[in-house]
Amino acid sequence: MPKKQPKRNIMHTKWFKTLSAGLWLDNPIFCMVLGICSALAITNKVANALAMGAGVTFCLIFSSLFISLLRNLIPPRVRILTYMVVIATFVICVDNFLKAFFPPLSEALGPYVGLIITNCIIMGRCEAYAVKNTVFYSVLDALGCGLGYSLVLIFMAIVRESMAFGTILEFRIMPGWWQDWVMMAVAPGAFFLLGVYLWILRTLAKKTEQ
C-alpha cells in the first residue's frame, strides 16, 4: 500500500509566511517604524483608526497588484514615479469615497488621507516586494502589512479614546467618576503610548524568535 504523505504544517507554507509577516515580525509600525505620522495624528478615535486602516490597506493591496502585474514593463528609471501615479490613483478613490459617504470622517482625517500617497509603507512594499514577485504573493504581502498597520492603529485608538473621552465608537464605557485624560487626545499622548507599544511588542518578538 502506498505510504500516506505527511500533512504539511500550514505555518511553514510560503503563502502563510508571506501573509503573517506583516502582522508580526515585519509589522510596518512596530518593526519598521513606518507610517507613524498617521498613528500619532488620527488615533484619538477608533472610527478614525478604522477608516485610515481600511484606506491604507485598500491602497496597499491594489497598488501592489498593479505594480506586480506591470513589473516587467516598468522601466527602472521611472519606477518610483510609476509607484506614485498608481498609489495616487487609489488614494483619490479612497478620498472621494470618504467625502461622498462619510463626510465627518473625511473632515476628521483631514490631510492625512491625501498623505497616503507618500506613505512609506506603500512605497516600500511596492519597491521591496511587488515589483519582484507574482501577483498572488504581492497581494498577500500587502494584505498582511495593511492588517498589521490597521491593528496597531486600532489598539492605540481603543486606549486613547477610552482614556481621553471615556468612550469607544462614541459609546460610553467609563464610569461616571472617570476624569478624562486630555493628554491622550493629543499627539504627545499618542507618542508616549506608541513608545510603550513598541517596547512591549518588540520584547515579545525577540522572545518569539528565541
N, C-alpha and C. Protein backbone atom coordinates (compact mmCIF):
# COMPACT_ATOMS: atom_id res chain seq x y z
N MET A 1 0.84 -1.20 0.00
CA MET A 1 0.00 0.00 0.00
C MET A 1 0.88 1.25 0.00
N PRO A 2 0.51 2.26 -0.78
CA PRO A 2 1.33 3.48 -0.80
C PRO A 2 1.29 4.19 0.55
N LYS A 3 2.44 4.72 0.91
CA LYS A 3 2.53 5.42 2.18
C LYS A 3 1.81 6.76 2.10
N LYS A 4 1.16 7.09 3.18
CA LYS A 4 0.48 8.37 3.24
C LYS A 4 1.50 9.50 3.38
N GLN A 5 1.30 10.53 2.60
CA GLN A 5 2.17 11.69 2.68
C GLN A 5 1.88 12.47 3.95
N PRO A 6 2.92 12.83 4.74
CA PRO A 6 2.67 13.60 5.97
C PRO A 6 2.06 14.95 5.64
N LYS A 7 1.12 15.34 6.46
CA LYS A 7 0.48 16.64 6.26
C LYS A 7 1.46 17.77 6.50
N ARG A 8 1.46 18.72 5.61
CA ARG A 8 2.37 19.85 5.72
C ARG A 8 1.78 20.89 6.66
N ASN A 9 2.61 21.34 7.59
CA ASN A 9 2.16 22.37 8.54
C ASN A 9 1.89 23.67 7.79
N ILE A 10 0.68 24.18 7.96
CA ILE A 10 0.29 25.40 7.24
C ILE A 10 1.20 26.58 7.57
N MET A 11 1.78 26.57 8.78
CA MET A 11 2.65 27.68 9.19
C MET A 11 3.96 27.70 8.44
N HIS A 12 4.29 26.60 7.75
CA HIS A 12 5.55 26.52 7.01
C HIS A 12 5.36 26.79 5.51
N THR A 13 4.14 27.05 5.09
CA THR A 13 3.89 27.32 3.68
C THR A 13 4.28 28.77 3.35
N LYS A 14 4.65 28.97 2.09
CA LYS A 14 5.11 30.30 1.68
C LYS A 14 4.00 31.33 1.79
N TRP A 15 2.79 30.95 1.40
CA TRP A 15 1.70 31.93 1.40
C TRP A 15 1.38 32.37 2.82
N PHE A 16 1.44 31.44 3.78
CA PHE A 16 1.13 31.80 5.17
C PHE A 16 2.23 32.70 5.74
N LYS A 17 3.49 32.38 5.44
CA LYS A 17 4.60 33.21 5.93
C LYS A 17 4.51 34.61 5.34
N THR A 18 4.15 34.69 4.06
CA THR A 18 4.03 36.00 3.41
C THR A 18 2.92 36.83 4.03
N LEU A 19 1.79 36.20 4.30
CA LEU A 19 0.65 36.91 4.89
C LEU A 19 0.91 37.32 6.32
N SER A 20 1.52 36.43 7.10
CA SER A 20 1.69 36.69 8.54
C SER A 20 2.87 37.60 8.86
N ALA A 21 3.80 37.77 7.91
CA ALA A 21 4.99 38.59 8.19
C ALA A 21 4.59 40.02 8.57
N GLY A 22 3.66 40.60 7.82
CA GLY A 22 3.25 41.97 8.10
C GLY A 22 2.46 42.12 9.38
N LEU A 23 1.89 41.02 9.85
CA LEU A 23 1.13 41.06 11.09
C LEU A 23 2.01 41.05 12.33
N TRP A 24 3.20 40.47 12.20
CA TRP A 24 4.01 40.29 13.40
C TRP A 24 5.47 40.73 13.21
N LEU A 25 6.32 39.85 12.70
CA LEU A 25 7.76 40.14 12.71
C LEU A 25 8.15 41.28 11.77
N ASP A 26 7.37 41.52 10.71
CA ASP A 26 7.65 42.64 9.81
C ASP A 26 6.53 43.68 9.86
N ASN A 27 5.90 43.82 11.02
CA ASN A 27 4.84 44.81 11.16
C ASN A 27 5.36 46.20 10.79
N PRO A 28 4.64 46.93 9.92
CA PRO A 28 5.15 48.22 9.44
C PRO A 28 5.47 49.22 10.53
N ILE A 29 4.68 49.25 11.60
CA ILE A 29 4.86 50.27 12.63
C ILE A 29 5.87 49.82 13.68
N PHE A 30 5.62 48.70 14.34
CA PHE A 30 6.48 48.39 15.48
C PHE A 30 7.79 47.71 15.07
N CYS A 31 7.90 47.23 13.84
CA CYS A 31 9.16 46.63 13.41
C CYS A 31 9.95 47.59 12.51
N MET A 32 9.29 48.12 11.47
CA MET A 32 9.99 49.00 10.53
C MET A 32 9.82 50.48 10.87
N VAL A 33 8.96 50.80 11.85
CA VAL A 33 8.70 52.17 12.30
C VAL A 33 8.35 53.07 11.10
N LEU A 34 7.38 52.61 10.31
CA LEU A 34 6.88 53.37 9.17
C LEU A 34 5.43 53.74 9.41
N GLY A 35 5.00 54.83 8.83
CA GLY A 35 3.60 55.24 8.93
C GLY A 35 3.20 55.75 10.30
N ILE A 36 4.17 56.25 11.07
CA ILE A 36 3.83 56.65 12.44
C ILE A 36 3.18 58.04 12.49
N CYS A 37 3.26 58.82 11.41
CA CYS A 37 2.62 60.14 11.42
C CYS A 37 1.11 59.99 11.63
N SER A 38 0.51 59.11 10.84
CA SER A 38 -0.94 58.89 10.99
C SER A 38 -1.24 58.19 12.31
N ALA A 39 -0.33 57.33 12.76
CA ALA A 39 -0.54 56.64 14.04
C ALA A 39 -0.60 57.63 15.19
N LEU A 40 0.12 58.72 15.09
CA LEU A 40 0.12 59.73 16.15
C LEU A 40 -1.03 60.72 15.98
N ALA A 41 -1.43 60.97 14.74
CA ALA A 41 -2.35 62.08 14.48
C ALA A 41 -3.83 61.70 14.57
N ILE A 42 -4.20 60.52 14.10
CA ILE A 42 -5.64 60.25 13.93
C ILE A 42 -6.18 59.15 14.86
N THR A 43 -5.35 58.64 15.76
CA THR A 43 -5.81 57.52 16.59
C THR A 43 -6.47 57.96 17.89
N ASN A 44 -6.93 59.21 17.97
CA ASN A 44 -7.66 59.61 19.18
C ASN A 44 -9.10 59.11 19.16
N LYS A 45 -9.55 58.57 18.02
CA LYS A 45 -10.88 57.97 17.91
C LYS A 45 -10.76 56.64 17.15
N VAL A 46 -11.50 55.63 17.62
CA VAL A 46 -11.46 54.32 16.97
C VAL A 46 -11.99 54.40 15.54
N ALA A 47 -13.03 55.20 15.32
CA ALA A 47 -13.60 55.34 13.98
C ALA A 47 -12.56 55.87 13.00
N ASN A 48 -11.74 56.84 13.44
CA ASN A 48 -10.68 57.36 12.58
C ASN A 48 -9.67 56.28 12.25
N ALA A 49 -9.30 55.48 13.25
CA ALA A 49 -8.31 54.41 13.04
C ALA A 49 -8.84 53.37 12.06
N LEU A 50 -10.12 53.02 12.19
CA LEU A 50 -10.72 52.04 11.27
C LEU A 50 -10.72 52.57 9.84
N ALA A 51 -11.08 53.84 9.68
CA ALA A 51 -11.13 54.42 8.34
C ALA A 51 -9.73 54.51 7.72
N MET A 52 -8.76 54.98 8.50
CA MET A 52 -7.40 55.09 7.97
C MET A 52 -6.82 53.72 7.67
N GLY A 53 -7.04 52.76 8.57
CA GLY A 53 -6.54 51.41 8.34
C GLY A 53 -7.13 50.79 7.10
N ALA A 54 -8.44 50.95 6.91
CA ALA A 54 -9.09 50.40 5.72
C ALA A 54 -8.58 51.08 4.45
N GLY A 55 -8.40 52.40 4.51
CA GLY A 55 -7.91 53.13 3.34
C GLY A 55 -6.51 52.72 2.94
N VAL A 56 -5.62 52.62 3.93
CA VAL A 56 -4.24 52.23 3.63
C VAL A 56 -4.18 50.79 3.13
N THR A 57 -4.98 49.90 3.73
CA THR A 57 -4.99 48.51 3.28
C THR A 57 -5.50 48.41 1.85
N PHE A 58 -6.55 49.14 1.53
CA PHE A 58 -7.07 49.17 0.15
C PHE A 58 -6.00 49.63 -0.83
N CYS A 59 -5.35 50.73 -0.51
CA CYS A 59 -4.31 51.27 -1.40
C CYS A 59 -3.12 50.31 -1.51
N LEU A 60 -2.76 49.68 -0.40
CA LEU A 60 -1.66 48.71 -0.41
C LEU A 60 -1.96 47.54 -1.35
N ILE A 61 -3.14 46.97 -1.21
CA ILE A 61 -3.49 45.78 -1.99
C ILE A 61 -3.52 46.09 -3.48
N PHE A 62 -4.24 47.14 -3.86
CA PHE A 62 -4.40 47.40 -5.29
C PHE A 62 -3.14 48.00 -5.91
N SER A 63 -2.37 48.75 -5.15
CA SER A 63 -1.09 49.26 -5.68
C SER A 63 -0.13 48.10 -5.92
N SER A 64 -0.04 47.18 -4.96
CA SER A 64 0.84 46.02 -5.13
C SER A 64 0.37 45.15 -6.27
N LEU A 65 -0.94 45.00 -6.41
CA LEU A 65 -1.48 44.18 -7.50
C LEU A 65 -1.06 44.74 -8.87
N PHE A 66 -1.25 46.04 -9.06
CA PHE A 66 -0.94 46.63 -10.36
C PHE A 66 0.57 46.71 -10.61
N ILE A 67 1.34 47.01 -9.59
CA ILE A 67 2.79 47.05 -9.76
C ILE A 67 3.33 45.68 -10.10
N SER A 68 2.78 44.64 -9.47
CA SER A 68 3.21 43.28 -9.78
C SER A 68 2.83 42.90 -11.20
N LEU A 69 1.62 43.28 -11.62
CA LEU A 69 1.19 42.99 -12.99
C LEU A 69 2.09 43.67 -14.03
N LEU A 70 2.53 44.87 -13.71
CA LEU A 70 3.31 45.67 -14.67
C LEU A 70 4.81 45.60 -14.44
N ARG A 71 5.25 44.72 -13.53
CA ARG A 71 6.66 44.74 -13.11
C ARG A 71 7.64 44.53 -14.25
N ASN A 72 7.26 43.80 -15.27
CA ASN A 72 8.17 43.56 -16.40
C ASN A 72 8.10 44.66 -17.45
N LEU A 73 7.18 45.60 -17.27
CA LEU A 73 7.01 46.69 -18.24
C LEU A 73 7.50 48.03 -17.70
N ILE A 74 7.75 48.11 -16.39
CA ILE A 74 8.14 49.39 -15.78
C ILE A 74 9.63 49.62 -15.98
N PRO A 75 10.02 50.70 -16.68
CA PRO A 75 11.45 50.99 -16.83
C PRO A 75 12.07 51.33 -15.47
N PRO A 76 13.25 50.80 -15.17
CA PRO A 76 13.86 51.04 -13.85
C PRO A 76 14.00 52.52 -13.50
N ARG A 77 14.24 53.38 -14.51
CA ARG A 77 14.48 54.80 -14.23
C ARG A 77 13.24 55.53 -13.74
N VAL A 78 12.07 55.03 -14.06
CA VAL A 78 10.85 55.75 -13.68
C VAL A 78 9.98 54.91 -12.73
N ARG A 79 10.58 53.93 -12.08
CA ARG A 79 9.77 53.03 -11.25
C ARG A 79 9.14 53.78 -10.07
N ILE A 80 9.88 54.71 -9.42
CA ILE A 80 9.33 55.45 -8.28
C ILE A 80 8.18 56.33 -8.73
N LEU A 81 8.34 56.99 -9.87
CA LEU A 81 7.28 57.82 -10.42
C LEU A 81 6.05 56.98 -10.74
N THR A 82 6.28 55.79 -11.27
CA THR A 82 5.17 54.88 -11.58
C THR A 82 4.44 54.47 -10.31
N TYR A 83 5.21 54.17 -9.26
CA TYR A 83 4.57 53.82 -7.98
C TYR A 83 3.65 54.95 -7.50
N MET A 84 4.15 56.17 -7.59
CA MET A 84 3.38 57.31 -7.08
C MET A 84 2.10 57.52 -7.88
N VAL A 85 2.18 57.35 -9.20
CA VAL A 85 0.99 57.52 -10.03
C VAL A 85 -0.06 56.46 -9.69
N VAL A 86 0.40 55.22 -9.56
CA VAL A 86 -0.53 54.13 -9.23
C VAL A 86 -1.13 54.33 -7.85
N ILE A 87 -0.30 54.65 -6.86
CA ILE A 87 -0.78 54.85 -5.49
C ILE A 87 -1.74 56.03 -5.43
N ALA A 88 -1.39 57.13 -6.11
CA ALA A 88 -2.24 58.32 -6.08
C ALA A 88 -3.62 58.04 -6.64
N THR A 89 -3.70 57.18 -7.64
CA THR A 89 -5.00 56.84 -8.23
C THR A 89 -5.93 56.23 -7.18
N PHE A 90 -5.41 55.31 -6.39
CA PHE A 90 -6.25 54.64 -5.39
C PHE A 90 -6.49 55.52 -4.17
N VAL A 91 -5.54 56.39 -3.86
CA VAL A 91 -5.75 57.33 -2.76
C VAL A 91 -6.89 58.29 -3.10
N ILE A 92 -6.94 58.75 -4.34
CA ILE A 92 -8.03 59.63 -4.77
C ILE A 92 -9.37 58.91 -4.65
N CYS A 93 -9.39 57.61 -4.98
CA CYS A 93 -10.63 56.83 -4.84
C CYS A 93 -11.07 56.80 -3.38
N VAL A 94 -10.12 56.54 -2.48
CA VAL A 94 -10.45 56.49 -1.05
C VAL A 94 -10.93 57.85 -0.56
N ASP A 95 -10.23 58.90 -0.95
CA ASP A 95 -10.57 60.26 -0.51
C ASP A 95 -11.97 60.65 -0.97
N ASN A 96 -12.28 60.40 -2.24
CA ASN A 96 -13.60 60.75 -2.77
C ASN A 96 -14.70 59.90 -2.14
N PHE A 97 -14.39 58.63 -1.86
CA PHE A 97 -15.38 57.75 -1.22
C PHE A 97 -15.74 58.28 0.17
N LEU A 98 -14.73 58.67 0.95
CA LEU A 98 -14.99 59.19 2.29
C LEU A 98 -15.75 60.51 2.23
N LYS A 99 -15.39 61.37 1.29
CA LYS A 99 -16.08 62.66 1.17
C LYS A 99 -17.54 62.47 0.77
N ALA A 100 -17.81 61.46 -0.05
CA ALA A 100 -19.17 61.25 -0.54
C ALA A 100 -20.07 60.56 0.49
N PHE A 101 -19.52 59.56 1.19
CA PHE A 101 -20.36 58.73 2.05
C PHE A 101 -20.12 58.95 3.55
N PHE A 102 -18.95 59.45 3.91
CA PHE A 102 -18.64 59.67 5.33
C PHE A 102 -17.98 61.03 5.52
N PRO A 103 -18.70 62.12 5.28
CA PRO A 103 -18.11 63.46 5.39
C PRO A 103 -17.49 63.76 6.75
N PRO A 104 -18.12 63.38 7.89
CA PRO A 104 -17.47 63.66 9.18
C PRO A 104 -16.12 62.98 9.33
N LEU A 105 -16.03 61.72 8.86
CA LEU A 105 -14.74 61.02 8.92
C LEU A 105 -13.71 61.68 8.02
N SER A 106 -14.14 62.08 6.84
CA SER A 106 -13.23 62.75 5.91
C SER A 106 -12.67 64.03 6.52
N GLU A 107 -13.55 64.77 7.21
CA GLU A 107 -13.11 66.02 7.85
C GLU A 107 -12.19 65.74 9.02
N ALA A 108 -12.48 64.67 9.78
CA ALA A 108 -11.66 64.34 10.94
C ALA A 108 -10.26 63.89 10.52
N LEU A 109 -10.18 63.14 9.43
CA LEU A 109 -8.87 62.65 8.95
C LEU A 109 -8.08 63.76 8.28
N GLY A 110 -8.78 64.74 7.74
CA GLY A 110 -8.11 65.91 7.16
C GLY A 110 -7.12 65.55 6.06
N PRO A 111 -5.92 66.14 6.11
CA PRO A 111 -4.95 65.92 5.03
C PRO A 111 -4.28 64.55 5.07
N TYR A 112 -4.52 63.78 6.12
CA TYR A 112 -3.79 62.51 6.26
C TYR A 112 -4.24 61.45 5.25
N VAL A 113 -5.44 61.60 4.69
CA VAL A 113 -5.84 60.69 3.61
C VAL A 113 -4.99 60.96 2.38
N GLY A 114 -4.86 62.23 2.01
CA GLY A 114 -4.02 62.57 0.86
C GLY A 114 -2.57 62.17 1.03
N LEU A 115 -2.11 62.21 2.28
CA LEU A 115 -0.70 61.86 2.54
C LEU A 115 -0.44 60.38 2.43
N ILE A 116 -1.49 59.56 2.23
CA ILE A 116 -1.25 58.13 1.99
C ILE A 116 -0.37 57.94 0.75
N ILE A 117 -0.45 58.89 -0.18
CA ILE A 117 0.37 58.81 -1.41
C ILE A 117 1.85 58.68 -1.08
N THR A 118 2.29 59.40 -0.06
CA THR A 118 3.72 59.37 0.30
C THR A 118 3.97 58.44 1.49
N ASN A 119 2.98 57.62 1.84
CA ASN A 119 3.17 56.70 2.96
C ASN A 119 4.29 55.72 2.64
N CYS A 120 5.29 55.67 3.52
CA CYS A 120 6.46 54.83 3.28
C CYS A 120 6.11 53.34 3.25
N ILE A 121 5.03 52.95 3.91
CA ILE A 121 4.63 51.54 3.91
C ILE A 121 4.29 51.10 2.49
N ILE A 122 3.46 51.90 1.80
CA ILE A 122 3.01 51.52 0.46
C ILE A 122 4.16 51.59 -0.53
N MET A 123 4.91 52.68 -0.50
CA MET A 123 6.07 52.80 -1.40
C MET A 123 7.06 51.68 -1.14
N GLY A 124 7.27 51.37 0.13
CA GLY A 124 8.24 50.34 0.50
C GLY A 124 7.84 48.96 0.01
N ARG A 125 6.56 48.61 0.13
CA ARG A 125 6.13 47.28 -0.31
C ARG A 125 6.16 47.17 -1.83
N CYS A 126 5.86 48.26 -2.52
CA CYS A 126 5.96 48.24 -3.99
C CYS A 126 7.39 48.00 -4.43
N GLU A 127 8.33 48.70 -3.79
CA GLU A 127 9.74 48.60 -4.18
C GLU A 127 10.39 47.31 -3.69
N ALA A 128 10.07 46.90 -2.47
CA ALA A 128 10.76 45.74 -1.89
C ALA A 128 10.13 44.41 -2.28
N TYR A 129 8.84 44.41 -2.61
CA TYR A 129 8.18 43.12 -2.83
C TYR A 129 7.41 43.03 -4.15
N ALA A 130 6.46 43.93 -4.37
CA ALA A 130 5.55 43.78 -5.50
C ALA A 130 6.26 43.78 -6.85
N VAL A 131 7.29 44.59 -6.98
CA VAL A 131 7.98 44.70 -8.27
C VAL A 131 8.86 43.48 -8.55
N LYS A 132 9.00 42.59 -7.56
CA LYS A 132 9.88 41.42 -7.71
C LYS A 132 9.14 40.10 -7.63
N ASN A 133 7.84 40.11 -7.31
CA ASN A 133 7.11 38.87 -7.07
C ASN A 133 5.81 38.82 -7.86
N THR A 134 5.20 37.62 -7.85
CA THR A 134 3.96 37.41 -8.59
C THR A 134 2.79 38.15 -7.92
N VAL A 135 1.70 38.24 -8.65
CA VAL A 135 0.53 38.96 -8.16
C VAL A 135 -0.01 38.35 -6.87
N PHE A 136 -0.12 37.03 -6.83
CA PHE A 136 -0.71 36.36 -5.67
C PHE A 136 0.05 36.68 -4.40
N TYR A 137 1.36 36.52 -4.42
CA TYR A 137 2.16 36.77 -3.21
C TYR A 137 2.27 38.27 -2.91
N SER A 138 2.25 39.10 -3.94
CA SER A 138 2.28 40.54 -3.71
C SER A 138 1.02 41.02 -2.99
N VAL A 139 -0.13 40.46 -3.39
CA VAL A 139 -1.39 40.82 -2.73
C VAL A 139 -1.40 40.32 -1.29
N LEU A 140 -0.91 39.10 -1.07
CA LEU A 140 -0.84 38.56 0.30
C LEU A 140 0.08 39.41 1.18
N ASP A 141 1.22 39.82 0.63
CA ASP A 141 2.15 40.67 1.38
C ASP A 141 1.49 42.00 1.73
N ALA A 142 0.80 42.59 0.77
CA ALA A 142 0.11 43.87 1.01
C ALA A 142 -1.00 43.72 2.04
N LEU A 143 -1.76 42.64 1.95
CA LEU A 143 -2.84 42.40 2.90
C LEU A 143 -2.29 42.25 4.32
N GLY A 144 -1.20 41.48 4.46
CA GLY A 144 -0.60 41.30 5.77
C GLY A 144 -0.10 42.60 6.38
N CYS A 145 0.58 43.40 5.56
CA CYS A 145 1.09 44.70 6.05
C CYS A 145 -0.06 45.65 6.39
N GLY A 146 -1.11 45.63 5.55
CA GLY A 146 -2.25 46.50 5.82
C GLY A 146 -2.97 46.13 7.10
N LEU A 147 -3.15 44.84 7.32
CA LEU A 147 -3.80 44.39 8.55
C LEU A 147 -2.93 44.68 9.77
N GLY A 148 -1.62 44.47 9.63
CA GLY A 148 -0.72 44.77 10.74
C GLY A 148 -0.74 46.24 11.11
N TYR A 149 -0.73 47.09 10.11
CA TYR A 149 -0.81 48.54 10.33
C TYR A 149 -2.14 48.91 10.99
N SER A 150 -3.23 48.34 10.47
CA SER A 150 -4.56 48.66 10.98
C SER A 150 -4.72 48.23 12.43
N LEU A 151 -4.21 47.04 12.77
CA LEU A 151 -4.35 46.54 14.14
C LEU A 151 -3.65 47.44 15.14
N VAL A 152 -2.45 47.92 14.79
CA VAL A 152 -1.73 48.81 15.70
C VAL A 152 -2.52 50.11 15.89
N LEU A 153 -3.05 50.66 14.79
CA LEU A 153 -3.86 51.87 14.89
C LEU A 153 -5.09 51.66 15.77
N ILE A 154 -5.75 50.52 15.59
CA ILE A 154 -6.97 50.25 16.37
C ILE A 154 -6.64 50.07 17.85
N PHE A 155 -5.57 49.34 18.15
CA PHE A 155 -5.18 49.14 19.55
C PHE A 155 -4.85 50.48 20.21
N MET A 156 -4.15 51.36 19.48
CA MET A 156 -3.84 52.67 20.03
C MET A 156 -5.11 53.49 20.23
N ALA A 157 -6.01 53.43 19.26
CA ALA A 157 -7.23 54.23 19.34
C ALA A 157 -8.14 53.78 20.48
N ILE A 158 -8.18 52.48 20.73
CA ILE A 158 -9.02 51.97 21.83
C ILE A 158 -8.56 52.57 23.16
N VAL A 159 -7.24 52.56 23.38
CA VAL A 159 -6.70 53.11 24.63
C VAL A 159 -6.89 54.61 24.68
N ARG A 160 -6.58 55.31 23.58
CA ARG A 160 -6.64 56.77 23.58
C ARG A 160 -8.07 57.28 23.73
N GLU A 161 -9.00 56.71 22.96
CA GLU A 161 -10.38 57.21 23.03
C GLU A 161 -11.00 56.93 24.39
N SER A 162 -10.75 55.73 24.91
CA SER A 162 -11.34 55.38 26.21
C SER A 162 -10.79 56.25 27.33
N MET A 163 -9.50 56.58 27.27
CA MET A 163 -8.90 57.38 28.34
C MET A 163 -9.14 58.88 28.14
N ALA A 164 -9.21 59.32 26.89
CA ALA A 164 -9.36 60.76 26.63
C ALA A 164 -10.82 61.21 26.66
N PHE A 165 -11.73 60.34 26.23
CA PHE A 165 -13.14 60.73 26.14
C PHE A 165 -14.07 59.81 26.92
N GLY A 166 -13.54 58.68 27.40
CA GLY A 166 -14.38 57.74 28.14
C GLY A 166 -15.30 56.93 27.26
N THR A 167 -15.03 56.92 25.94
CA THR A 167 -15.92 56.22 25.00
C THR A 167 -15.11 55.33 24.06
N ILE A 168 -15.83 54.44 23.38
CA ILE A 168 -15.30 53.69 22.25
C ILE A 168 -16.38 53.69 21.18
N LEU A 169 -16.05 54.23 20.01
CA LEU A 169 -17.03 54.40 18.93
C LEU A 169 -18.25 55.18 19.41
N GLU A 170 -17.96 56.21 20.24
CA GLU A 170 -18.97 57.12 20.76
C GLU A 170 -19.88 56.50 21.83
N PHE A 171 -19.65 55.26 22.21
CA PHE A 171 -20.42 54.63 23.29
C PHE A 171 -19.65 54.77 24.60
N ARG A 172 -20.32 55.27 25.61
CA ARG A 172 -19.69 55.49 26.91
C ARG A 172 -19.35 54.17 27.57
N ILE A 173 -18.07 53.99 27.96
CA ILE A 173 -17.65 52.75 28.61
C ILE A 173 -17.07 53.01 30.00
N MET A 174 -16.63 54.24 30.24
CA MET A 174 -16.04 54.57 31.54
C MET A 174 -17.13 54.97 32.53
N PRO A 175 -16.91 54.70 33.83
CA PRO A 175 -17.90 55.10 34.85
C PRO A 175 -18.00 56.61 34.97
N GLY A 176 -19.05 57.06 35.64
CA GLY A 176 -19.31 58.49 35.75
C GLY A 176 -18.22 59.27 36.45
N TRP A 177 -17.47 58.60 37.36
CA TRP A 177 -16.43 59.31 38.10
C TRP A 177 -15.13 59.46 37.31
N TRP A 178 -15.07 58.84 36.13
CA TRP A 178 -13.82 58.88 35.36
C TRP A 178 -13.49 60.30 34.91
N GLN A 179 -12.23 60.72 35.17
CA GLN A 179 -11.75 62.03 34.74
C GLN A 179 -10.99 61.86 33.43
N ASP A 180 -11.48 62.47 32.37
CA ASP A 180 -10.84 62.31 31.06
C ASP A 180 -9.40 62.80 31.08
N TRP A 181 -8.53 62.02 30.42
CA TRP A 181 -7.12 62.38 30.29
C TRP A 181 -6.95 63.17 28.99
N VAL A 182 -6.90 64.47 29.10
CA VAL A 182 -6.80 65.31 27.90
C VAL A 182 -5.51 65.02 27.13
N MET A 183 -4.46 64.64 27.83
CA MET A 183 -3.18 64.37 27.18
C MET A 183 -3.29 63.26 26.13
N MET A 184 -4.18 62.28 26.36
CA MET A 184 -4.30 61.17 25.42
C MET A 184 -5.04 61.56 24.15
N ALA A 185 -5.64 62.72 24.13
CA ALA A 185 -6.36 63.18 22.94
C ALA A 185 -5.45 63.89 21.95
N VAL A 186 -4.22 64.23 22.38
CA VAL A 186 -3.30 64.98 21.53
C VAL A 186 -2.08 64.13 21.20
N ALA A 187 -1.27 64.63 20.25
CA ALA A 187 -0.15 63.86 19.73
C ALA A 187 0.88 63.43 20.79
N PRO A 188 1.24 64.27 21.77
CA PRO A 188 2.22 63.81 22.78
C PRO A 188 1.77 62.55 23.52
N GLY A 189 0.47 62.45 23.83
CA GLY A 189 -0.04 61.24 24.47
C GLY A 189 0.09 60.04 23.56
N ALA A 190 -0.18 60.24 22.26
CA ALA A 190 -0.04 59.15 21.29
C ALA A 190 1.42 58.72 21.17
N PHE A 191 2.34 59.70 21.22
CA PHE A 191 3.77 59.38 21.12
C PHE A 191 4.21 58.51 22.29
N PHE A 192 3.76 58.86 23.49
CA PHE A 192 4.09 58.08 24.67
C PHE A 192 3.50 56.66 24.57
N LEU A 193 2.24 56.56 24.15
CA LEU A 193 1.59 55.26 24.02
C LEU A 193 2.27 54.40 22.97
N LEU A 194 2.64 55.01 21.84
CA LEU A 194 3.33 54.26 20.80
C LEU A 194 4.66 53.72 21.30
N GLY A 195 5.37 54.52 22.10
CA GLY A 195 6.63 54.05 22.68
C GLY A 195 6.43 52.84 23.58
N VAL A 196 5.37 52.86 24.37
CA VAL A 196 5.06 51.71 25.24
C VAL A 196 4.74 50.49 24.39
N TYR A 197 3.95 50.67 23.33
CA TYR A 197 3.61 49.56 22.44
C TYR A 197 4.86 48.98 21.78
N LEU A 198 5.73 49.86 21.29
CA LEU A 198 6.95 49.39 20.65
C LEU A 198 7.80 48.57 21.61
N TRP A 199 7.90 49.02 22.83
CA TRP A 199 8.68 48.30 23.85
C TRP A 199 8.09 46.92 24.10
N ILE A 200 6.78 46.85 24.30
CA ILE A 200 6.13 45.57 24.61
C ILE A 200 6.21 44.61 23.43
N LEU A 201 5.86 45.09 22.23
CA LEU A 201 5.78 44.21 21.07
C LEU A 201 7.16 43.74 20.61
N ARG A 202 8.15 44.63 20.68
CA ARG A 202 9.49 44.21 20.29
C ARG A 202 10.07 43.21 21.28
N THR A 203 9.75 43.36 22.56
CA THR A 203 10.18 42.39 23.57
C THR A 203 9.56 41.03 23.28
N LEU A 204 8.27 41.02 22.97
CA LEU A 204 7.59 39.76 22.65
C LEU A 204 8.15 39.15 21.38
N ALA A 205 8.48 39.98 20.39
CA ALA A 205 9.03 39.48 19.12
C ALA A 205 10.38 38.80 19.35
N LYS A 206 11.21 39.37 20.20
CA LYS A 206 12.52 38.76 20.49
C LYS A 206 12.35 37.41 21.17
N LYS A 207 11.38 37.32 22.08
CA LYS A 207 11.13 36.05 22.76
C LYS A 207 10.63 35.00 21.75
N THR A 208 9.80 35.45 20.81
CA THR A 208 9.30 34.53 19.78
C THR A 208 10.43 33.98 18.92
N GLU A 209 11.37 34.86 18.53
CA GLU A 209 12.49 34.44 17.72
C GLU A 209 13.36 33.43 18.46
N GLN A 210 13.57 33.66 19.76
CA GLN A 210 14.37 32.73 20.55
C GLN A 210 13.69 31.36 20.66
